Amino acid sequence: MWRKPEDPKPVSPVAEATPAPVRVPARVEPPPVRSVAGLTAEVVQPSGGMITSSLVIKGEIRGREDLYIDGEVQGTIQLSEGRVTVGPHGKISADVDAREVIVRGTVKGAVRARERVEIGRTGEIRGDIVTIRIAIEEGAQVHSKVEITRKENSQGAHQASKATGSSPAPFQSVAMKATGDVTN
């Protein structure tokens, strides 16, 4: 059958002024967050340096920035204004002197922190600890003599110890056994 031709529809001026749809570029996902030993990037990536699990360093480490250690270090570590973080695979046979020390691995040697020492549940310290504040998670192993000093004593004593080469006098001494018993 035949069909009646359709009348052309008038073109409205509004339809002509409507722009074509704008293509929005696909959302770019940020690269995946890198992690070491299952820890988040915020914990792992300090503002300073990183010693990964495949590295072994023998000698002296000095600086002012933060340092993350998941490898092995033998010698001395001195970071005057930095934080030393020992990762879960980190093994340190060294004396550590820093603003803050966080231990998730193993440290054999004296630990001196001007602000605080934190020992995680996988952490182990064998050596004397001198600090103002200390946090020990359940499961941590501490085989040490712990000296807790007052803030004003540690700052003044630290300056005096630099001049005389001696260690500061502790405000309070606490000895801990591996069982967690505390004696004065």
Protein backbone atom coordinates (compact mmCIF):
# COMPACT_ATOMS: atom_id res chain seq x y z
CA MET A 1 0.00 0.00 0.00
CA TRP A 2 0.95 3.44 -0.43
CA ARG A 3 1.74 5.80 2.33
CA LYS A 4 1.03 9.49 2.56
CA PRO A 5 4.23 11.51 2.60
CA GLU A 6 4.92 13.13 5.94
CA ASP A 7 4.97 16.85 6.18
CA PRO A 8 8.39 18.20 7.00
CA LYS A 9 8.48 19.41 10.57
CA PRO A 10 9.63 22.92 11.08
CA VAL A 11 13.06 23.16 12.67
CA SER A 12 13.02 25.12 15.87
CA PRO A 13 15.79 27.64 16.47
CA VAL A 14 16.29 26.26 19.99
CA ALA A 15 17.17 22.82 18.68
CA GLU A 16 19.80 24.32 16.39
CA ALA A 17 21.45 26.22 19.28
CA THR A 18 21.77 23.16 21.52
CA PRO A 19 25.40 22.07 21.55
CA ALA A 20 26.44 18.49 21.06
CA PRO A 21 26.96 16.52 24.25
CA VAL A 22 30.35 17.10 25.85
CA ARG A 23 32.53 14.09 26.36
CA VAL A 24 33.94 13.84 29.86
CA PRO A 25 37.29 12.09 30.01
CA ALA A 26 37.35 8.87 31.98
CA ARG A 27 38.36 9.30 35.61
CA VAL A 28 42.04 8.60 36.01
CA GLU A 29 42.71 6.32 38.96
CA PRO A 30 45.82 7.11 41.02
CA PRO A 31 48.53 4.48 40.91
CA PRO A 32 48.16 1.75 43.52
CA VAL A 33 49.63 2.57 46.92
CA ARG A 34 52.95 0.85 47.36
CA SER A 35 53.40 -1.08 50.56
CA VAL A 36 56.29 -2.86 52.19
CA ALA A 37 55.68 -5.94 54.33
CA GLY A 38 51.93 -5.33 54.25
CA LEU A 39 52.13 -1.90 55.91
CA THR A 40 50.39 1.13 54.48
CA ALA A 41 52.26 3.81 52.62
CA GLU A 42 51.71 6.36 55.39
CA VAL A 43 53.63 4.18 57.79
CA VAL A 44 56.28 3.07 55.33
CA GLN A 45 57.28 6.13 53.37
CA PRO A 46 59.11 8.55 55.62
CA SER A 47 60.16 11.98 54.45
CA GLY A 48 63.79 10.85 54.58
CA GLY A 49 65.28 7.57 53.42
CA MET A 50 64.51 3.88 53.25
CA ILE A 51 66.65 0.79 53.71
CA THR A 52 64.81 -2.10 52.08
CA SER A 53 64.88 -5.74 53.14
CA SER A 54 67.53 -6.71 50.58
CA LEU A 55 70.13 -4.23 51.90
CA VAL A 56 72.85 -4.76 54.54
CA ILE A 57 74.67 -1.68 55.83
CA LYS A 58 77.74 -1.80 58.09
CA GLY A 59 78.98 1.47 59.51
CA GLU A 60 77.67 4.80 60.74
CA ILE A 61 74.44 6.47 59.66
CA ARG A 62 74.05 10.17 60.52
CA GLY A 63 71.45 12.68 59.46
CA ARG A 64 68.52 14.89 60.37
CA GLU A 65 65.67 13.26 58.43
CA ASP A 66 63.45 10.23 59.05
CA LEU A 67 64.70 6.75 58.18
CA TYR A 68 62.75 3.53 57.57
CA ILE A 69 64.81 0.35 57.99
CA ASP A 70 63.49 -2.99 56.79
CA GLY A 71 66.95 -4.40 56.03
CA GLU A 72 69.98 -5.02 58.21
CA VAL A 73 72.14 -2.33 59.83
CA GLN A 74 75.29 -2.85 61.92
CA GLY A 75 77.11 0.06 63.57
CA THR A 76 75.56 3.30 64.82
CA ILE A 77 72.52 5.31 63.81
CA GLN A 78 72.28 8.96 64.81
CA LEU A 79 69.43 11.08 63.48
CA SER A 80 69.37 14.29 65.51
CA GLU A 81 65.91 15.47 64.43
CA GLY A 82 64.55 12.38 62.72
CA ARG A 83 62.51 9.28 63.40
CA VAL A 84 63.97 5.81 63.03
CA THR A 85 61.38 3.19 62.10
CA VAL A 86 62.49 -0.43 62.18
CA GLY A 87 60.16 -2.41 59.92
CA PRO A 88 58.99 -5.96 60.64
CA HIS A 89 61.91 -7.43 58.65
CA GLY A 90 64.46 -4.96 60.03
CA LYS A 91 67.43 -6.25 62.04
CA ILE A 92 69.61 -3.69 63.75
CA SER A 93 72.80 -4.41 65.67
CA ALA A 94 73.57 -0.80 66.47
CA ASP A 95 73.20 1.97 69.00
CA VAL A 96 70.31 4.21 67.94
CA ASP A 97 70.03 7.92 68.86
CA ALA A 98 67.06 9.79 67.38
CA ARG A 99 64.13 12.05 68.18
CA GLU A 100 61.72 9.11 67.95
CA VAL A 101 62.25 5.35 67.55
CA ILE A 102 59.55 2.93 66.37
CA VAL A 103 60.42 -0.78 66.48
CA ARG A 104 58.53 -3.48 64.58
CA GLY A 105 61.61 -5.66 63.95
CA THR A 106 64.69 -6.51 66.06
CA VAL A 107 67.10 -4.07 67.71
CA LYS A 108 70.23 -5.21 69.56
CA GLY A 109 71.90 -2.17 71.08
CA ALA A 110 71.23 0.94 73.14
CA VAL A 111 68.20 3.00 72.10
CA ARG A 112 67.99 6.69 73.00
CA ALA A 113 64.97 8.72 71.89
CA ARG A 114 64.50 12.35 72.86
CA GLU A 115 60.70 12.17 72.49
CA ARG A 116 59.46 8.57 72.51
CA VAL A 117 60.06 4.90 71.85
CA GLU A 118 57.29 2.70 70.47
CA ILE A 119 57.67 -1.08 70.37
CA GLY A 120 55.08 -2.88 68.24
CA ARG A 121 53.77 -6.37 68.84
CA THR A 122 56.35 -7.83 66.41
CA GLY A 123 59.17 -5.71 67.87
CA GLU A 124 62.07 -6.84 70.03
CA ILE A 125 64.71 -4.75 71.81
CA ARG A 126 67.80 -6.14 73.55
CA GLY A 127 69.67 -3.18 75.01
CA ASP A 128 69.21 -0.17 77.26
CA ILE A 129 66.41 2.29 76.46
CA VAL A 130 66.46 5.98 77.46
CA THR A 131 63.44 8.14 76.55
CA ILE A 132 60.78 10.51 77.86
CA ARG A 133 57.81 8.36 76.76
CA ILE A 134 57.50 4.70 75.88
CA ALA A 135 54.71 2.63 74.36
CA ILE A 136 54.88 -1.17 74.35
CA GLU A 137 52.23 -3.18 72.51
CA GLU A 138 51.10 -6.56 73.77
CA GLY A 139 53.36 -9.26 72.37
CA ALA A 140 56.46 -7.05 72.14
CA GLN A 141 59.70 -8.42 73.57
CA VAL A 142 61.77 -6.12 75.76
CA HIS A 143 65.00 -7.40 77.28
CA SER A 144 66.28 -4.06 78.51
CA LYS A 145 66.86 -1.58 81.26
CA VAL A 146 64.41 1.26 80.62
CA GLU A 147 65.15 4.81 81.80
CA ILE A 148 62.29 7.29 81.66
CA THR A 149 63.49 10.89 81.96
CA ARG A 150 61.69 14.19 82.35
CA LYS A 151 61.55 16.41 79.30
CA GLU A 152 63.50 19.30 80.86
CA ASN A 153 66.09 16.86 82.24
CA SER A 154 66.61 15.12 78.92
CA GLN A 155 67.06 18.34 76.94
CA GLY A 156 69.49 19.86 79.42
CA ALA A 157 71.27 16.57 79.96
CA HIS A 158 71.48 15.97 76.21
CA GLN A 159 73.20 19.33 75.73
CA ALA A 160 75.53 18.59 78.67
CA SER A 161 76.29 15.09 77.38
CA LYS A 162 77.35 16.54 74.02
CA ALA A 163 79.77 18.88 75.81
CA THR A 164 81.17 16.32 78.26
CA GLY A 165 80.62 13.12 76.29
CA SER A 166 78.73 11.52 79.20
CA SER A 167 75.24 10.09 79.33
CA PRO A 168 72.41 11.96 81.12
CA ALA A 169 71.32 11.04 84.62
CA PRO A 170 67.93 9.34 84.59
CA PHE A 171 64.95 10.67 86.49
CA GLN A 172 63.44 7.24 86.99
CA SER A 173 64.83 3.81 86.23
CA VAL A 174 62.55 0.87 85.51
CA ALA A 175 63.84 -2.66 84.89
CA MET A 176 61.57 -5.02 82.95
CA LYS A 177 61.80 -8.76 82.60
CA ALA A 178 60.61 -10.64 79.54
CA THR A 179 57.49 -11.65 81.48
CA GLY A 180 56.40 -8.02 81.69
CA ASP A 181 56.95 -7.69 85.48
CA VAL A 182 58.04 -4.20 86.48
CA THR A 183 60.48 -3.57 89.35
CA ASN A 184 61.89 -0.31 90.68
